[in-house]
Amino acid sequence: MADSKEGFVYILTNERGNVLYTGSTANLKERIYFHRNGMIPGFTKKYNVHRLIYFERHADMASARKREHEIKGKSRAKKEQIIIETNPSFTELST
């Protein structure tokens, strides 16, 4: 069952920090690689959004997807507050 895998919710930004993108995945390292290399068509590729600035680990993908939708429903200010709680300088978290 795919939903029994652990999941991650993540927030990416671009170099200027003026765009935020929230997603979820079962494999965070691989997903960030795909974003960085323009392998995922759409919003993140178009706006060059590939800097990981926030993530959460979840026991399964169902809870990760639920949290992703919760975060996506928040204002930008509330998303920034979530990020600031663990990464106040919006530092790149993956290398």
PDB file of N, CA and C in Angstrom:
ATOM      1  N   MET A   1       0.850  -1.186   0.000  1.00  0.00           N
ATOM      2  CA  MET A   1       0.000   0.000   0.000  1.00  0.00           C
ATOM      3  C   MET A   1       0.897   1.252   0.000  1.00  0.00           C
ATOM      4  N   ALA A   2       0.710   2.134  -0.979  1.00  0.00           N
ATOM      5  CA  ALA A   2       1.564   3.308  -1.147  1.00  0.00           C
ATOM      6  C   ALA A   2       1.479   4.270   0.031  1.00  0.00           C
ATOM      7  N   ASP A   3       0.325   4.382   0.662  1.00  0.00           N
ATOM      8  CA  ASP A   3       0.159   5.344   1.743  1.00  0.00           C
ATOM      9  C   ASP A   3       0.825   4.906   3.040  1.00  0.00           C
ATOM     10  N   SER A   4       1.348   3.680   3.107  1.00  0.00           N
ATOM     11  CA  SER A   4       2.016   3.252   4.331  1.00  0.00           C
ATOM     12  C   SER A   4       3.451   3.769   4.395  1.00  0.00           C
ATOM     13  N   LYS A   5       3.974   4.298   3.284  1.00  0.00           N
ATOM     14  CA  LYS A   5       5.308   4.897   3.271  1.00  0.00           C
ATOM     15  C   LYS A   5       5.300   6.208   4.043  1.00  0.00           C
ATOM     16  N   GLU A   6       6.444   6.538   4.649  1.00  0.00           N
ATOM     17  CA  GLU A   6       6.523   7.850   5.286  1.00  0.00           C
ATOM     18  C   GLU A   6       6.432   8.924   4.211  1.00  0.00           C
ATOM     19  N   GLY A   7       6.027  10.098   4.620  1.00  0.00           N
ATOM     20  CA  GLY A   7       5.876  11.183   3.672  1.00  0.00           C
ATOM     21  C   GLY A   7       6.496  12.462   4.194  1.00  0.00           C
ATOM     22  N   PHE A   8       6.678  13.393   3.289  1.00  0.00           N
ATOM     23  CA  PHE A   8       7.245  14.688   3.616  1.00  0.00           C
ATOM     24  C   PHE A   8       6.396  15.786   3.002  1.00  0.00           C
ATOM     25  N   VAL A   9       6.259  16.881   3.717  1.00  0.00           N
ATOM     26  CA  VAL A   9       5.689  18.110   3.187  1.00  0.00           C
ATOM     27  C   VAL A   9       6.855  19.072   3.114  1.00  0.00           C
ATOM     28  N   TYR A  10       6.939  19.827   2.032  1.00  0.00           N
ATOM     29  CA  TYR A  10       8.072  20.724   1.882  1.00  0.00           C
ATOM     30  C   TYR A  10       7.629  22.052   1.277  1.00  0.00           C
ATOM     31  N   ILE A  11       8.433  23.067   1.548  1.00  0.00           N
ATOM     32  CA  ILE A  11       8.211  24.383   0.948  1.00  0.00           C
ATOM     33  C   ILE A  11       9.499  24.788   0.260  1.00  0.00           C
ATOM     34  N   LEU A  12       9.347  25.204  -0.985  1.00  0.00           N
ATOM     35  CA  LEU A  12      10.466  25.685  -1.791  1.00  0.00           C
ATOM     36  C   LEU A  12      10.275  27.159  -2.089  1.00  0.00           C
ATOM     37  N   THR A  13      11.379  27.814  -2.402  1.00  0.00           N
ATOM     38  CA  THR A  13      11.325  29.186  -2.877  1.00  0.00           C
ATOM     39  C   THR A  13      12.335  29.341  -4.004  1.00  0.00           C
ATOM     40  N   ASN A  14      12.310  30.480  -4.658  1.00  0.00           N
ATOM     41  CA  ASN A  14      13.287  30.780  -5.699  1.00  0.00           C
ATOM     42  C   ASN A  14      14.442  31.573  -5.094  1.00  0.00           C
ATOM     43  N   GLU A  15      15.407  31.945  -5.911  1.00  0.00           N
ATOM     44  CA  GLU A  15      16.581  32.673  -5.418  1.00  0.00           C
ATOM     45  C   GLU A  15      16.212  34.000  -4.765  1.00  0.00           C
ATOM     46  N   ARG A  16      15.234  34.696  -5.301  1.00  0.00           N
ATOM     47  CA  ARG A  16      14.817  35.994  -4.754  1.00  0.00           C
ATOM     48  C   ARG A  16      13.931  35.854  -3.527  1.00  0.00           C
ATOM     49  N   GLY A  17      13.382  34.676  -3.307  1.00  0.00           N
ATOM     50  CA  GLY A  17      12.523  34.451  -2.154  1.00  0.00           C
ATOM     51  C   GLY A  17      11.134  35.044  -2.290  1.00  0.00           C
ATOM     52  N   ASN A  18      10.745  35.387  -3.495  1.00  0.00           N
ATOM     53  CA  ASN A  18       9.430  36.010  -3.678  1.00  0.00           C
ATOM     54  C   ASN A  18       8.345  35.023  -4.098  1.00  0.00           C
ATOM     55  N   VAL A  19       8.693  33.755  -4.238  1.00  0.00           N
ATOM     56  CA  VAL A  19       7.725  32.729  -4.613  1.00  0.00           C
ATOM     57  C   VAL A  19       7.831  31.591  -3.602  1.00  0.00           C
ATOM     58  N   LEU A  20       6.693  31.090  -3.143  1.00  0.00           N
ATOM     59  CA  LEU A  20       6.662  29.915  -2.268  1.00  0.00           C
ATOM     60  C   LEU A  20       5.870  28.809  -2.943  1.00  0.00           C
ATOM     61  N   TYR A  21       6.357  27.588  -2.829  1.00  0.00           N
ATOM     62  CA  TYR A  21       5.668  26.422  -3.377  1.00  0.00           C
ATOM     63  C   TYR A  21       5.626  25.349  -2.307  1.00  0.00           C
ATOM     64  N   THR A  22       4.466  24.767  -2.088  1.00  0.00           N
ATOM     65  CA  THR A  22       4.300  23.696  -1.110  1.00  0.00           C
ATOM     66  C   THR A  22       3.971  22.405  -1.841  1.00  0.00           C
ATOM     67  N   GLY A  23       4.647  21.323  -1.456  1.00  0.00           N
ATOM     68  CA  GLY A  23       4.397  20.024  -2.066  1.00  0.00           C
ATOM     69  C   GLY A  23       4.539  18.915  -1.047  1.00  0.00           C
ATOM     70  N   SER A  24       4.265  17.689  -1.491  1.00  0.00           N
ATOM     71  CA  SER A  24       4.458  16.520  -0.635  1.00  0.00           C
ATOM     72  C   SER A  24       5.037  15.394  -1.486  1.00  0.00           C
ATOM     73  N   THR A  25       5.761  14.504  -0.813  1.00  0.00           N
ATOM     74  CA  THR A  25       6.426  13.406  -1.513  1.00  0.00           C
ATOM     75  C   THR A  25       6.798  12.315  -0.526  1.00  0.00           C
ATOM     76  N   ALA A  26       7.040  11.124  -1.050  1.00  0.00           N
ATOM     77  CA  ALA A  26       7.544  10.026  -0.231  1.00  0.00           C
ATOM     78  C   ALA A  26       9.071  10.014  -0.216  1.00  0.00           C
ATOM     79  N   ASN A  27       9.696  10.711  -1.175  1.00  0.00           N
ATOM     80  CA  ASN A  27      11.148  10.719  -1.278  1.00  0.00           C
ATOM     81  C   ASN A  27      11.618  12.160  -1.469  1.00  0.00           C
ATOM     82  N   LEU A  28      11.925  12.824  -0.379  1.00  0.00           N
ATOM     83  CA  LEU A  28      12.264  14.245  -0.420  1.00  0.00           C
ATOM     84  C   LEU A  28      13.536  14.511  -1.214  1.00  0.00           C
ATOM     85  N   LYS A  29      14.567  13.736  -0.998  1.00  0.00           N
ATOM     86  CA  LYS A  29      15.837  13.952  -1.685  1.00  0.00           C
ATOM     87  C   LYS A  29      15.653  13.865  -3.207  1.00  0.00           C
ATOM     88  N   GLU A  30      14.946  12.856  -3.647  1.00  0.00           N
ATOM     89  CA  GLU A  30      14.702  12.689  -5.076  1.00  0.00           C
ATOM     90  C   GLU A  30      13.852  13.829  -5.643  1.00  0.00           C
ATOM     91  N   ARG A  31      12.807  14.213  -4.919  1.00  0.00           N
ATOM     92  CA  ARG A  31      11.925  15.278  -5.395  1.00  0.00           C
ATOM     93  C   ARG A  31      12.676  16.603  -5.530  1.00  0.00           C
ATOM     94  N   ILE A  32      13.541  16.920  -4.573  1.00  0.00           N
ATOM     95  CA  ILE A  32      14.319  18.158  -4.657  1.00  0.00           C
ATOM     96  C   ILE A  32      15.263  18.095  -5.860  1.00  0.00           C
ATOM     97  N   TYR A  33      15.864  16.945  -6.086  1.00  0.00           N
ATOM     98  CA  TYR A  33      16.717  16.761  -7.265  1.00  0.00           C
ATOM     99  C   TYR A  33      15.925  17.066  -8.538  1.00  0.00           C
ATOM    100  N   PHE A  34      14.730  16.531  -8.636  1.00  0.00           N
ATOM    101  CA  PHE A  34      13.885  16.766  -9.814  1.00  0.00           C
ATOM    102  C   PHE A  34      13.557  18.247  -9.978  1.00  0.00           C
ATOM    103  N   HIS A  35      13.209  18.914  -8.884  1.00  0.00           N
ATOM    104  CA  HIS A  35      12.912  20.350  -8.949  1.00  0.00           C
ATOM    105  C   HIS A  35      14.150  21.127  -9.407  1.00  0.00           C
ATOM    106  N   ARG A  36      15.281  20.843  -8.821  1.00  0.00           N
ATOM    107  CA  ARG A  36      16.517  21.581  -9.149  1.00  0.00           C
ATOM    108  C   ARG A  36      16.941  21.426 -10.597  1.00  0.00           C
ATOM    109  N   ASN A  37      16.629  20.290 -11.177  1.00  0.00           N
ATOM    110  CA  ASN A  37      17.060  20.006 -12.534  1.00  0.00           C
ATOM    111  C   ASN A  37      15.959  20.220 -13.562  1.00  0.00           C
ATOM    112  N   GLY A  38      14.889  20.914 -13.162  1.00  0.00           N
ATOM    113  CA  GLY A  38      13.823  21.259 -14.091  1.00  0.00           C
ATOM    114  C   GLY A  38      13.100  20.064 -14.672  1.00  0.00           C
ATOM    115  N   MET A  39      13.048  18.967 -13.927  1.00  0.00           N
ATOM    116  CA  MET A  39      12.449  17.731 -14.424  1.00  0.00           C
ATOM    117  C   MET A  39      10.955  17.632 -14.124  1.00  0.00           C
ATOM    118  N   ILE A  40      10.423  18.587 -13.379  1.00  0.00           N
ATOM    119  CA  ILE A  40       8.993  18.602 -13.074  1.00  0.00           C
ATOM    120  C   ILE A  40       8.399  19.802 -13.786  1.00  0.00           C
ATOM    121  N   PRO A  41       7.618  19.559 -14.834  1.00  0.00           N
ATOM    122  CA  PRO A  41       7.044  20.683 -15.576  1.00  0.00           C
ATOM    123  C   PRO A  41       6.018  21.436 -14.732  1.00  0.00           C
ATOM    124  N   GLY A  42       5.819  22.682 -15.075  1.00  0.00           N
ATOM    125  CA  GLY A  42       4.796  23.463 -14.390  1.00  0.00           C
ATOM    126  C   GLY A  42       5.376  24.621 -13.608  1.00  0.00           C
ATOM    127  N   PHE A  43       4.708  24.942 -12.517  1.00  0.00           N
ATOM    128  CA  PHE A  43       4.995  26.137 -11.719  1.00  0.00           C
ATOM    129  C   PHE A  43       6.452  26.233 -11.281  1.00  0.00           C
ATOM    130  N   THR A  44       6.979  25.155 -10.666  1.00  0.00           N
ATOM    131  CA  THR A  44       8.333  25.246 -10.109  1.00  0.00           C
ATOM    132  C   THR A  44       9.381  25.399 -11.202  1.00  0.00           C
ATOM    133  N   LYS A  45       9.180  24.776 -12.321  1.00  0.00           N
ATOM    134  CA  LYS A  45      10.123  24.930 -13.436  1.00  0.00           C
ATOM    135  C   LYS A  45      10.022  26.336 -14.023  1.00  0.00           C
ATOM    136  N   LYS A  46       8.791  26.791 -14.241  1.00  0.00           N
ATOM    137  CA  LYS A  46       8.570  28.103 -14.845  1.00  0.00           C
ATOM    138  C   LYS A  46       9.189  29.226 -14.008  1.00  0.00           C
ATOM    139  N   TYR A  47       9.058  29.143 -12.693  1.00  0.00           N
ATOM    140  CA  TYR A  47       9.531  30.208 -11.807  1.00  0.00           C
ATOM    141  C   TYR A  47      10.857  29.878 -11.109  1.00  0.00           C
ATOM    142  N   ASN A  48      11.519  28.805 -11.547  1.00  0.00           N
ATOM    143  CA  ASN A  48      12.816  28.414 -11.010  1.00  0.00           C
ATOM    144  C   ASN A  48      12.789  28.285  -9.484  1.00  0.00           C
ATOM    145  N   VAL A  49      11.800  27.572  -9.005  1.00  0.00           N
ATOM    146  CA  VAL A  49      11.598  27.371  -7.566  1.00  0.00           C
ATOM    147  C   VAL A  49      12.244  26.045  -7.181  1.00  0.00           C
ATOM    148  N   HIS A  50      13.383  26.117  -6.484  1.00  0.00           N
ATOM    149  CA  HIS A  50      14.105  24.886  -6.159  1.00  0.00           C
ATOM    150  C   HIS A  50      14.857  24.922  -4.829  1.00  0.00           C
ATOM    151  N   ARG A  51      14.779  26.004  -4.092  1.00  0.00           N
ATOM    152  CA  ARG A  51      15.466  26.107  -2.798  1.00  0.00           C
ATOM    153  C   ARG A  51      14.580  25.566  -1.685  1.00  0.00           C
ATOM    154  N   LEU A  52      14.992  24.470  -1.061  1.00  0.00           N
ATOM    155  CA  LEU A  52      14.246  23.884   0.050  1.00  0.00           C
ATOM    156  C   LEU A  52      14.467  24.723   1.298  1.00  0.00           C
ATOM    157  N   ILE A  53      13.374  25.283   1.834  1.00  0.00           N
ATOM    158  CA  ILE A  53      13.504  26.124   3.033  1.00  0.00           C
ATOM    159  C   ILE A  53      12.702  25.584   4.218  1.00  0.00           C
ATOM    160  N   TYR A  54      11.904  24.528   3.981  1.00  0.00           N
ATOM    161  CA  TYR A  54      11.101  23.966   5.069  1.00  0.00           C
ATOM    162  C   TYR A  54      10.677  22.557   4.695  1.00  0.00           C
ATOM    163  N   PHE A  55      10.654  21.664   5.686  1.00  0.00           N
ATOM    164  CA  PHE A  55      10.039  20.351   5.468  1.00  0.00           C
ATOM    165  C   PHE A  55       9.573  19.760   6.784  1.00  0.00           C
ATOM    166  N   GLU A  56       8.613  18.881   6.665  1.00  0.00           N
ATOM    167  CA  GLU A  56       8.080  18.120   7.796  1.00  0.00           C
ATOM    168  C   GLU A  56       8.065  16.653   7.401  1.00  0.00           C
ATOM    169  N   ARG A  57       8.381  15.783   8.336  1.00  0.00           N
ATOM    170  CA  ARG A  57       8.304  14.341   8.117  1.00  0.00           C
ATOM    171  C   ARG A  57       6.980  13.838   8.700  1.00  0.00           C
ATOM    172  N   HIS A  58       6.296  12.969   7.967  1.00  0.00           N
ATOM    173  CA  HIS A  58       5.028  12.392   8.414  1.00  0.00           C
ATOM    174  C   HIS A  58       5.099  10.870   8.359  1.00  0.00           C
ATOM    175  N   ALA A  59       4.314  10.219   9.181  1.00  0.00           N
ATOM    176  CA  ALA A  59       4.321   8.756   9.270  1.00  0.00           C
ATOM    177  C   ALA A  59       3.870   8.097   7.973  1.00  0.00           C
ATOM    178  N   ASP A  60       3.016   8.777   7.221  1.00  0.00           N
ATOM    179  CA  ASP A  60       2.521   8.197   5.969  1.00  0.00           C
ATOM    180  C   ASP A  60       2.162   9.307   4.982  1.00  0.00           C
ATOM    181  N   MET A  61       1.972   8.926   3.732  1.00  0.00           N
ATOM    182  CA  MET A  61       1.676   9.900   2.687  1.00  0.00           C
ATOM    183  C   MET A  61       0.303  10.535   2.862  1.00  0.00           C
ATOM    184  N   ALA A  62      -0.645   9.807   3.420  1.00  0.00           N
ATOM    185  CA  ALA A  62      -1.982  10.380   3.616  1.00  0.00           C
ATOM    186  C   ALA A  62      -1.908  11.598   4.539  1.00  0.00           C
ATOM    187  N   SER A  63      -1.171  11.485   5.628  1.00  0.00           N
ATOM    188  CA  SER A  63      -1.062  12.631   6.548  1.00  0.00           C
ATOM    189  C   SER A  63      -0.208  13.739   5.928  1.00  0.00           C
ATOM    190  N   ALA A  64       0.784  13.376   5.122  1.00  0.00           N
ATOM    191  CA  ALA A  64       1.597  14.392   4.448  1.00  0.00           C
ATOM    192  C   ALA A  64       0.748  15.180   3.455  1.00  0.00           C
ATOM    193  N   ARG A  65      -0.075  14.488   2.675  1.00  0.00           N
ATOM    194  CA  ARG A  65      -0.940  15.178   1.707  1.00  0.00           C
ATOM    195  C   ARG A  65      -1.963  16.061   2.411  1.00  0.00           C
ATOM    196  N   LYS A  66      -2.493  15.577   3.528  1.00  0.00           N
ATOM    197  CA  LYS A  66      -3.452  16.379   4.292  1.00  0.00           C
ATOM    198  C   LYS A  66      -2.790  17.671   4.786  1.00  0.00           C
ATOM    199  N   ARG A  67      -1.586  17.550   5.312  1.00  0.00           N
ATOM    200  CA  ARG A  67      -0.869  18.733   5.802  1.00  0.00           C
ATOM    201  C   ARG A  67      -0.498  19.670   4.648  1.00  0.00           C
ATOM    202  N   GLU A  68      -0.118  19.103   3.505  1.00  0.00           N
ATOM    203  CA  GLU A  68       0.183  19.922   2.324  1.00  0.00           C
ATOM    204  C   GLU A  68      -1.016  20.799   1.980  1.00  0.00           C
ATOM    205  N   HIS A  69      -2.196  20.216   1.971  1.00  0.00           N
ATOM    206  CA  HIS A  69      -3.403  20.985   1.639  1.00  0.00           C
ATOM    207  C   HIS A  69      -3.711  22.040   2.702  1.00  0.00           C
ATOM    208  N   GLU A  70      -3.441  21.719   3.966  1.00  0.00           N
ATOM    209  CA  GLU A  70      -3.619  22.715   5.034  1.00  0.00           C
ATOM    210  C   GLU A  70      -2.711  23.917   4.805  1.00  0.00           C
ATOM    211  N   ILE A  71      -1.441  23.645   4.522  1.00  0.00           N
ATOM    212  CA  ILE A  71      -0.480  24.730   4.308  1.00  0.00           C
ATOM    213  C   ILE A  71      -0.845  25.533   3.064  1.00  0.00           C
ATOM    214  N   LYS A  72      -1.204  24.849   1.988  1.00  0.00           N
ATOM    215  CA  LYS A  72      -1.563  25.549   0.751  1.00  0.00           C
ATOM    216  C   LYS A  72      -2.739  26.496   0.959  1.00  0.00           C
ATOM    217  N   GLY A  73      -3.614  26.194   1.909  1.00  0.00           N
ATOM    218  CA  GLY A  73      -4.777  27.031   2.179  1.00  0.00           C
ATOM    219  C   GLY A  73      -4.475  28.263   3.024  1.00  0.00           C
ATOM    220  N   LYS A  74      -3.254  28.371   3.511  1.00  0.00           N
ATOM    221  CA  LYS A  74      -2.882  29.495   4.373  1.00  0.00           C
ATOM    222  C   LYS A  74      -2.388  30.673   3.540  1.00  0.00           C
ATOM    223  N   SER A  75      -2.441  31.847   4.138  1.00  0.00           N
ATOM    224  CA  SER A  75      -1.905  33.049   3.489  1.00  0.00           C
ATOM    225  C   SER A  75      -0.383  32.952   3.427  1.00  0.00           C
ATOM    226  N   ARG A  76       0.202  33.779   2.609  1.00  0.00           N
ATOM    227  CA  ARG A  76       1.669  33.814   2.525  1.00  0.00           C
ATOM    228  C   ARG A  76       2.280  34.137   3.892  1.00  0.00           C
ATOM    229  N   ALA A  77       1.693  35.078   4.609  1.00  0.00           N
ATOM    230  CA  ALA A  77       2.215  35.453   5.930  1.00  0.00           C
ATOM    231  C   ALA A  77       2.208  34.252   6.881  1.00  0.00           C
ATOM    232  N   LYS A  78       1.159  33.456   6.846  1.00  0.00           N
ATOM    233  CA  LYS A  78       1.093  32.280   7.724  1.00  0.00           C
ATOM    234  C   LYS A  78       2.078  31.211   7.282  1.00  0.00           C
ATOM    235  N   LYS A  79       2.300  31.069   5.976  1.00  0.00           N
ATOM    236  CA  LYS A  79       3.313  30.131   5.483  1.00  0.00           C
ATOM    237  C   LYS A  79       4.694  30.578   5.947  1.00  0.00           C
ATOM    238  N   GLU A  80       4.954  31.869   5.855  1.00  0.00           N
ATOM    239  CA  GLU A  80       6.242  32.390   6.303  1.00  0.00           C
ATOM    240  C   GLU A  80       6.434  32.149   7.793  1.00  0.00           C
ATOM    241  N   GLN A  81       5.376  32.269   8.575  1.00  0.00           N
ATOM    242  CA  GLN A  81       5.464  32.022  10.013  1.00  0.00           C
ATOM    243  C   GLN A  81       5.822  30.561  10.287  1.00  0.00           C
ATOM    244  N   ILE A  82       5.262  29.639   9.515  1.00  0.00           N
ATOM    245  CA  ILE A  82       5.600  28.211   9.656  1.00  0.00           C
ATOM    246  C   ILE A  82       7.089  28.011   9.391  1.00  0.00           C
ATOM    247  N   ILE A  83       7.593  28.640   8.346  1.00  0.00           N
ATOM    248  CA  ILE A  83       9.005  28.514   7.987  1.00  0.00           C
ATOM    249  C   ILE A  83       9.889  29.109   9.083  1.00  0.00           C
ATOM    250  N   ILE A  84       9.544  30.299   9.554  1.00  0.00           N
ATOM    251  CA  ILE A  84      10.343  31.014  10.555  1.00  0.00           C
ATOM    252  C   ILE A  84      10.502  30.215  11.849  1.00  0.00           C
ATOM    253  N   GLU A  85       9.516  29.407  12.196  1.00  0.00           N
ATOM    254  CA  GLU A  85       9.589  28.618  13.433  1.00  0.00           C
ATOM    255  C   GLU A  85      10.796  27.681  13.455  1.00  0.00           C
ATOM    256  N   THR A  86      11.201  27.165  12.292  1.00  0.00           N
ATOM    257  CA  THR A  86      12.339  26.234  12.254  1.00  0.00           C
ATOM    258  C   THR A  86      13.510  26.735  11.427  1.00  0.00           C
ATOM    259  N   ASN A  87      13.277  27.747  10.591  1.00  0.00           N
ATOM    260  CA  ASN A  87      14.325  28.237   9.703  1.00  0.00           C
ATOM    261  C   ASN A  87      14.176  29.760   9.550  1.00  0.00           C
ATOM    262  N   PRO A  88      14.463  30.514  10.613  1.00  0.00           N
ATOM    263  CA  PRO A  88      14.203  31.952  10.600  1.00  0.00           C
ATOM    264  C   PRO A  88      14.957  32.740   9.522  1.00  0.00           C
ATOM    265  N   SER A  89      16.077  32.212   9.049  1.00  0.00           N
ATOM    266  CA  SER A  89      16.835  32.939   8.029  1.00  0.00           C
ATOM    267  C   SER A  89      16.537  32.439   6.610  1.00  0.00           C
ATOM    268  N   PHE A  90      15.572  31.521   6.491  1.00  0.00           N
ATOM    269  CA  PHE A  90      15.179  30.963   5.193  1.00  0.00           C
ATOM    270  C   PHE A  90      16.392  30.363   4.466  1.00  0.00           C
ATOM    271  N   THR A  91      17.256  29.724   5.227  1.00  0.00           N
ATOM    272  CA  THR A  91      18.462  29.099   4.707  1.00  0.00           C
ATOM    273  C   THR A  91      18.098  27.872   3.872  1.00  0.00           C
ATOM    274  N   GLU A  92      18.844  27.655   2.804  1.00  0.00           N
ATOM    275  CA  GLU A  92      18.706  26.439   1.985  1.00  0.00           C
ATOM    276  C   GLU A  92      18.982  25.226   2.860  1.00  0.00           C
ATOM    277  N   LEU A  93      18.068  24.259   2.879  1.00  0.00           N
ATOM    278  CA  LEU A  93      18.199  23.103   3.773  1.00  0.00           C
ATOM    279  C   LEU A  93      18.781  21.872   3.086  1.00  0.00           C
ATOM    280  N   SER A  94      18.831  21.880   1.775  1.00  0.00           N
ATOM    281  CA  SER A  94      19.394  20.723   1.069  1.00  0.00           C
ATOM    282  C   SER A  94      20.598  21.172   0.255  1.00  0.00           C
ATOM    283  N   THR A  95      21.506  20.230   0.047  1.00  0.00           N
ATOM    284  CA  THR A  95      22.692  20.547  -0.742  1.00  0.00           C
ATOM    285  C   THR A  95      22.889  19.539  -1.836  1.00  0.00           C
TER     286      THR A  95
END
